[in-house]
C-alpha cells in the first residue's frame, strides 16, 4: 500500500469510528502528512490506546506506558495513536480520534477564521487550515517557545496560517468563527469569548488537576459553546477528557470548584445548556459558577 493510500485509509477509519460529519475534515486527514509535523522517527507512542475514538483514549501523565515504533516509516503514524513530540516531558501530539471529534464539532467551512490555542508542532493546525482553505485564516498560539518556532517552520508553506508565541491571555485583535482550546482550562477567558463571531463555535476542555497524573495533567469535560446572540452562549458536553493543563490561564481558586462540579456526575453535566456572563446569584440552575462566567441550565 502506498503512503497516500495509507493516509486515505487512516482518514476513512477516523470517519467511521469517530462518526465524523465533515467531508472537509476527512479529506484533510487524508492529505496532511502527519510525519511532517513530528520530530524525526522512530517515534515514541502511547502503548495504551482506546480505539473507540473517544476523548479518553490513551493514558497520559506520570508513568504512561509507551513504546517505540520499529523504524521511521511515515506509515507508522498513520494510525489512531498519540505520538510524542517531547518524550522527556511526556508531551504528545494528541490522539487523532480525540482531536477529530473536537474539530468536527467546530463545523469548519471554507473561508472560516480559526483560532487554535495550544498548537504544539502544528499538525492539527494544518488539518484545520486544510479545511478552511486559502480563503480562510488560522491563528495558532503556542506557549512553548521552541515548539512555536518549529510550528512556524512546519506551517511556512501555508500562508493563511499565523503562528504566535504566547499563552493566549492577551486581548485578541480579531474575531473568529471557530476557536479550539487544545489544553485544559478552568474557564474560558473573556478575551476568547469576546473574539467569537456571531454564530461562532468554541471547543474547550474544562479540567481539574489530578496530582496522581502529575502536575501538568488534568481531567474533566470537553464543552462546545456557540454564540447564539448578543451575550448568549449555548453549551453542550462533548465528552470526558484527560489532557495537559494550559499554562498561565488557569484560575487556581476555581480549580477546586471545577473538581467539585465534576464530582456531581453525568446527570448534572449533561444538563448544562448555556454559558452566562452576566452577574447573577448562584442558584440550582448553576453547575459551575465562576467570577467571570457560569455554566448551567436554562430555566
Protein backbone atom coordinates (compact mmCIF):
# COMPACT_ATOMS: atom_id res chain seq x y z
CA UNK A 1 0.00 0.00 0.00
CA UNK A 2 1.36 3.42 -0.91
CA UNK A 3 1.76 6.10 1.74
CA UNK A 4 -1.02 8.15 0.14
CA UNK A 5 -3.31 5.13 0.31
CA UNK A 6 -2.41 4.58 3.97
CA UNK A 7 -3.30 8.19 4.78
CA UNK A 8 -6.60 7.77 2.95
CA UNK A 9 -7.40 4.59 4.88
CA UNK A 10 -6.42 6.34 8.14
CA UNK A 11 -8.82 9.22 7.40
CA UNK A 12 -11.68 6.93 6.40
CA UNK A 13 -11.16 4.87 9.56
CA UNK A 14 -11.42 8.04 11.64
CA UNK A 15 -14.56 9.00 9.72
CA UNK A 16 -16.19 5.65 10.51
CA UNK A 17 -15.05 5.16 14.11
CA UNK A 18 -15.49 8.78 15.22
CA UNK A 19 -18.63 9.30 13.12
CA UNK A 20 -17.22 12.45 11.54
CA UNK A 21 -19.73 14.62 9.72
CA UNK A 22 -17.36 16.89 7.79
CA UNK A 23 -16.06 15.67 4.40
CA UNK A 24 -13.57 18.55 4.53
CA UNK A 25 -12.10 17.19 7.76
CA UNK A 26 -11.84 13.65 6.40
CA UNK A 27 -10.07 14.96 3.31
CA UNK A 28 -7.69 16.98 5.49
CA UNK A 29 -6.70 13.90 7.48
CA UNK A 30 -6.20 12.05 4.19
CA UNK A 31 -3.85 14.65 2.74
CA UNK A 32 -1.93 16.38 5.57
CA UNK A 33 1.29 14.40 6.22
CA UNK A 34 1.40 13.85 9.97
CA UNK A 35 5.10 12.95 9.96
CA UNK A 36 5.91 16.45 8.65
CA UNK A 37 4.70 17.83 12.00
CA UNK A 38 6.75 15.49 14.19
CA UNK A 39 10.41 15.34 15.01
CA UNK A 40 12.38 12.61 13.19
CA UNK A 41 11.44 8.99 13.92
CA UNK A 42 11.44 6.33 15.17
CA UNK A 43 8.70 7.76 17.35
CA UNK A 44 7.64 7.18 20.93
CA UNK A 45 3.91 6.43 21.03
CA UNK A 46 1.44 5.72 23.79
CA UNK A 47 1.02 1.98 24.20
CA UNK A 48 -2.34 2.08 25.99
CA UNK A 49 -4.80 3.14 23.31
CA UNK A 50 -8.60 3.25 23.23
CA UNK A 51 -9.62 2.77 19.59
CA UNK A 52 -13.19 3.88 20.18
CA UNK A 53 -12.34 7.42 19.13
CA UNK A 54 -13.43 8.90 22.45
CA UNK A 55 -11.55 11.71 24.10
CA UNK A 56 -10.30 9.45 26.88
CA UNK A 57 -8.22 7.21 24.62
CA UNK A 58 -4.56 6.82 25.52
CA UNK A 59 -3.49 7.27 29.11
CA UNK A 60 -1.25 10.30 29.61
CA UNK A 61 0.64 11.62 32.56
CA UNK A 62 3.15 10.21 35.00
CA UNK A 63 4.09 6.62 34.17
CA UNK A 64 2.08 6.41 30.94
CA UNK A 65 3.03 3.22 29.04
CA UNK A 66 4.90 3.94 25.82
CA UNK A 67 6.62 2.04 23.04
CA UNK A 68 9.00 2.92 20.22
CA UNK A 69 7.99 2.39 16.60
CA UNK A 70 10.25 -0.15 14.83
CA UNK A 71 11.50 2.45 12.33
CA UNK A 72 10.84 5.91 10.89
CA UNK A 73 8.45 4.79 8.15
CA UNK A 74 5.77 7.54 7.97
CA UNK A 75 3.15 4.81 7.75
CA UNK A 76 3.83 4.14 11.46
CA UNK A 77 1.99 7.33 12.43
CA UNK A 78 -0.98 6.82 10.08
CA UNK A 79 -2.90 5.33 12.98
CA UNK A 80 -5.11 6.49 15.83
CA UNK A 81 -2.19 6.82 18.24
CA UNK A 82 -0.70 9.66 20.26
CA UNK A 83 2.90 10.37 19.24
CA UNK A 84 5.46 12.05 21.49
CA UNK A 85 6.78 15.42 20.39
CA UNK A 86 8.96 15.59 23.52
CA UNK A 87 9.31 12.15 25.18
CA UNK A 88 11.36 13.55 28.08
CA UNK A 89 8.39 15.69 29.15
CA UNK A 90 5.75 13.10 28.24
CA UNK A 91 4.43 15.68 25.77
CA UNK A 92 2.38 14.10 22.98
CA UNK A 93 0.83 15.09 19.66
CA UNK A 94 -2.77 14.24 20.55
CA UNK A 95 -4.64 11.12 19.55
CA UNK A 96 -6.36 11.75 16.19
CA UNK A 97 -9.56 10.08 17.35
CA UNK A 98 -9.81 12.67 20.10
CA UNK A 99 -8.95 15.78 18.11
CA UNK A 100 -11.03 14.72 15.11
CA UNK A 101 -14.20 14.74 17.24
CA UNK A 102 -13.37 18.17 18.66
CA UNK A 103 -12.55 19.71 15.29
CA UNK A 104 -15.66 18.17 13.74
CA UNK A 105 -17.76 19.99 16.36
CA UNK A 106 -16.39 23.31 15.07
CA UNK A 107 -18.11 22.76 11.70
CA UNK A 108 -15.30 24.40 9.74
CA UNK A 109 -16.16 25.80 6.33
CA UNK A 110 -14.03 27.25 3.51
CA UNK A 111 -13.03 30.83 4.30
CA UNK A 112 -13.54 30.49 8.06
CA UNK A 113 -11.37 32.27 10.61
CA UNK A 114 -9.94 29.89 13.21
CA UNK A 115 -8.04 30.29 16.49
CA UNK A 116 -6.05 27.30 17.74
CA UNK A 117 -4.69 27.68 21.28
CA UNK A 118 -2.02 25.09 22.10
CA UNK A 119 -0.86 24.17 18.60
CA UNK A 120 2.23 22.14 19.54
CA UNK A 121 4.16 21.38 16.35
CA UNK A 122 1.20 22.34 14.18
CA UNK A 123 -0.34 19.11 12.88
CA UNK A 124 -3.92 19.80 13.89
CA UNK A 125 -3.47 23.45 12.92
CA UNK A 126 -2.55 22.18 9.44
CA UNK A 127 -5.61 19.92 9.40
CA UNK A 128 -7.90 22.85 10.23
CA UNK A 129 -6.08 25.07 7.73
CA UNK A 130 -6.75 22.49 5.01
CA UNK A 131 -10.45 22.57 5.95
CA UNK A 132 -10.82 26.36 5.66
CA UNK A 133 -8.54 26.68 2.62
CA UNK A 134 -6.53 29.67 1.34
CA UNK A 135 -9.57 31.92 1.68
CA UNK A 136 -9.59 31.35 5.42
CA UNK A 137 -7.26 32.47 8.18
CA UNK A 138 -5.85 30.45 11.09
CA UNK A 139 -4.09 31.90 14.12
CA UNK A 140 -2.15 29.30 16.11
CA UNK A 141 -0.79 30.13 19.57
CA UNK A 142 1.75 28.04 21.47
CA UNK A 143 3.12 28.81 24.94
CA UNK A 144 6.36 26.83 24.48
CA UNK A 145 8.79 28.99 22.52
CA UNK A 146 10.68 26.09 20.95
CA UNK A 147 7.50 24.37 19.80
CA UNK A 148 6.11 27.66 18.48
CA UNK A 149 9.24 28.22 16.39
CA UNK A 150 9.09 24.69 15.00
CA UNK A 151 5.37 25.01 14.27
CA UNK A 152 6.02 28.26 12.40
CA UNK A 153 8.60 26.46 10.26
CA UNK A 154 6.35 23.43 9.72
CA UNK A 155 3.48 25.67 8.58
CA UNK A 156 5.57 28.04 6.45
CA UNK A 157 4.09 26.63 3.23
CA UNK A 158 0.58 27.54 4.41
CA UNK A 159 0.49 31.35 4.20
CA UNK A 160 -3.02 31.65 5.64
CA UNK A 161 -1.70 30.35 8.99
CA UNK A 162 -0.09 32.71 11.52
CA UNK A 163 1.80 31.19 14.47
CA UNK A 164 2.22 33.25 17.62
CA UNK A 165 4.21 32.55 20.78
CA UNK A 166 2.25 33.17 23.98
CA UNK A 167 -0.36 31.81 26.37
CA UNK A 168 -3.33 33.41 24.55
CA UNK A 169 -4.27 35.53 27.58
CA UNK A 170 -3.79 38.85 25.82
CA UNK A 171 -6.74 40.58 24.08
CA UNK A 172 -7.15 39.32 20.53
CA UNK A 173 -7.12 41.71 17.61
CA UNK A 174 -9.73 39.91 15.52
CA UNK A 175 -12.83 37.73 15.68
CA UNK A 176 -13.07 34.06 14.82
CA UNK A 177 -15.72 31.70 13.51
CA UNK A 178 -14.14 28.77 15.37
CA UNK A 179 -11.88 28.51 18.43
CA UNK A 180 -10.18 25.31 19.59
CA UNK A 181 -8.59 25.41 23.03
CA UNK A 182 -6.19 22.47 22.98
CA UNK A 183 -5.26 22.38 26.70
CA UNK A 184 -7.15 22.05 29.96
CA UNK A 185 -8.58 25.26 31.44
CA UNK A 186 -10.71 26.16 34.46
CA UNK A 187 -12.83 28.63 32.47
CA UNK A 188 -12.96 30.33 29.07
CA UNK A 189 -11.12 33.65 29.14
CA UNK A 190 -13.12 36.80 28.44
CA UNK A 191 -10.76 37.56 25.56
CA UNK A 192 -11.68 34.25 23.88
CA UNK A 193 -15.40 34.76 24.36
CA UNK A 194 -15.12 38.35 23.09
CA UNK A 195 -13.30 37.10 19.99
CA UNK A 196 -16.05 34.67 18.98
CA UNK A 197 -18.02 35.90 15.96
CA UNK A 198 -21.81 35.71 15.89
CA UNK A 199 -22.77 32.08 15.32
CA UNK A 200 -19.19 31.05 16.06
CA UNK A 201 -18.19 27.92 17.98
CA UNK A 202 -15.63 27.28 20.68
CA UNK A 203 -14.46 23.90 21.93
CA UNK A 204 -12.54 23.77 25.21
CA UNK A 205 -11.54 21.18 27.84
CA UNK A 206 -12.72 22.22 31.31
CA UNK A 207 -10.48 20.33 33.73
CA UNK A 208 -9.36 19.95 37.32
CA UNK A 209 -5.76 18.99 38.03
CA UNK A 210 -5.12 15.41 39.10
CA UNK A 211 -1.96 15.06 41.28
CA UNK A 212 -1.83 11.31 40.66
CA UNK A 213 -1.31 12.01 36.95
CA UNK A 214 1.41 14.58 37.57
CA UNK A 215 1.39 18.37 37.96
CA UNK A 216 0.66 19.14 34.31
CA UNK A 217 -2.31 16.84 33.66
CA UNK A 218 -6.00 17.38 34.35
CA UNK A 219 -9.24 15.51 33.83
CA UNK A 220 -12.64 16.91 33.02
CA UNK A 221 -15.10 17.58 30.23
CA UNK A 222 -14.87 18.94 26.72
CA UNK A 223 -17.57 21.55 26.12
CA UNK A 224 -18.79 23.09 22.89
CA UNK A 225 -20.04 26.69 23.03
CA UNK A 226 -21.98 28.53 20.33
CA UNK A 227 -22.57 32.29 20.34
CA UNK A 228 -26.27 32.38 19.53
CA UNK A 229 -26.96 36.06 20.19
CA UNK A 230 -25.68 39.12 21.98
CA UNK A 231 -24.04 37.66 25.05
CA UNK A 232 -25.94 34.36 24.72
CA UNK A 233 -23.94 31.13 24.53
CA UNK A 234 -25.39 27.67 24.05
CA UNK A 235 -23.30 24.94 25.69
CA UNK A 236 -23.15 21.17 25.49
CA UNK A 237 -20.82 18.46 26.77
CA UNK A 238 -18.95 16.56 24.05
CA UNK A 239 -17.01 14.03 26.11
CA UNK A 240 -14.73 13.42 29.07
CA UNK A 241 -11.02 14.07 28.65
CA UNK A 242 -7.56 13.79 30.21
CA UNK A 243 -5.28 16.49 28.83
CA UNK A 244 -2.31 18.73 29.57
CA UNK A 245 -3.18 21.83 31.58
CA UNK A 246 -2.86 25.21 29.92
CA UNK A 247 -0.09 27.45 31.25
CA UNK A 248 -0.76 30.91 32.60
CA UNK A 249 -4.53 31.00 32.03
CA UNK A 250 -5.94 28.72 34.76
CA UNK A 251 -7.58 30.11 37.90
CA UNK A 252 -6.14 28.18 40.85
CA UNK A 253 -9.02 29.30 43.05
CA UNK A 254 -11.52 27.88 40.54
CA UNK A 255 -9.70 24.57 40.14
CA UNK A 256 -11.35 23.10 43.24
CA UNK A 257 -14.78 24.27 42.10
CA UNK A 258 -14.28 22.53 38.75
CA UNK A 259 -13.33 19.33 40.57
CA UNK A 260 -16.40 19.55 42.80
CA UNK A 261 -18.68 20.18 39.82
CA UNK A 262 -17.24 17.15 38.04
CA UNK A 263 -17.99 15.04 41.13
CA UNK A 264 -21.68 15.89 40.69
CA UNK A 265 -21.74 13.26 37.94
CA UNK A 266 -23.01 12.98 34.38
CA UNK A 267 -26.67 13.66 35.11
CA UNK A 268 -25.77 17.23 36.08
CA UNK A 269 -23.04 17.55 33.43
CA UNK A 270 -25.41 16.70 30.64
CA UNK A 271 -27.98 19.18 31.91
CA UNK A 272 -25.62 22.06 31.05
CA UNK A 273 -27.09 24.01 28.14
CA UNK A 274 -25.80 27.56 28.48
CA UNK A 275 -22.95 29.85 29.47
CA UNK A 276 -23.82 33.09 31.24
CA UNK A 277 -21.52 36.10 31.56
CA UNK A 278 -23.89 38.42 33.41
CA UNK A 279 -23.71 38.94 37.16
CA UNK A 280 -26.28 36.81 38.97
CA UNK A 281 -26.82 35.00 42.26
CA UNK A 282 -25.94 31.32 42.49
CA UNK A 283 -28.98 29.10 42.05
CA UNK A 284 -29.88 25.47 41.39
CA UNK A 285 -29.52 26.23 37.67
CA UNK A 286 -25.77 26.88 38.09
CA UNK A 287 -23.43 23.94 37.57
CA UNK A 288 -20.11 25.81 37.68
CA UNK A 289 -20.41 29.40 38.90
CA UNK A 290 -17.18 31.38 38.49
CA UNK A 291 -16.16 35.02 38.84
CA UNK A 292 -16.42 35.77 35.10
CA UNK A 293 -18.88 33.21 33.74
CA UNK A 294 -21.28 30.46 34.77
CA UNK A 295 -22.12 27.13 33.15
CA UNK A 296 -25.61 25.91 33.87
CA UNK A 297 -29.02 25.06 32.53
CA UNK A 298 -31.77 27.26 31.17
CA UNK A 299 -34.70 27.95 33.48
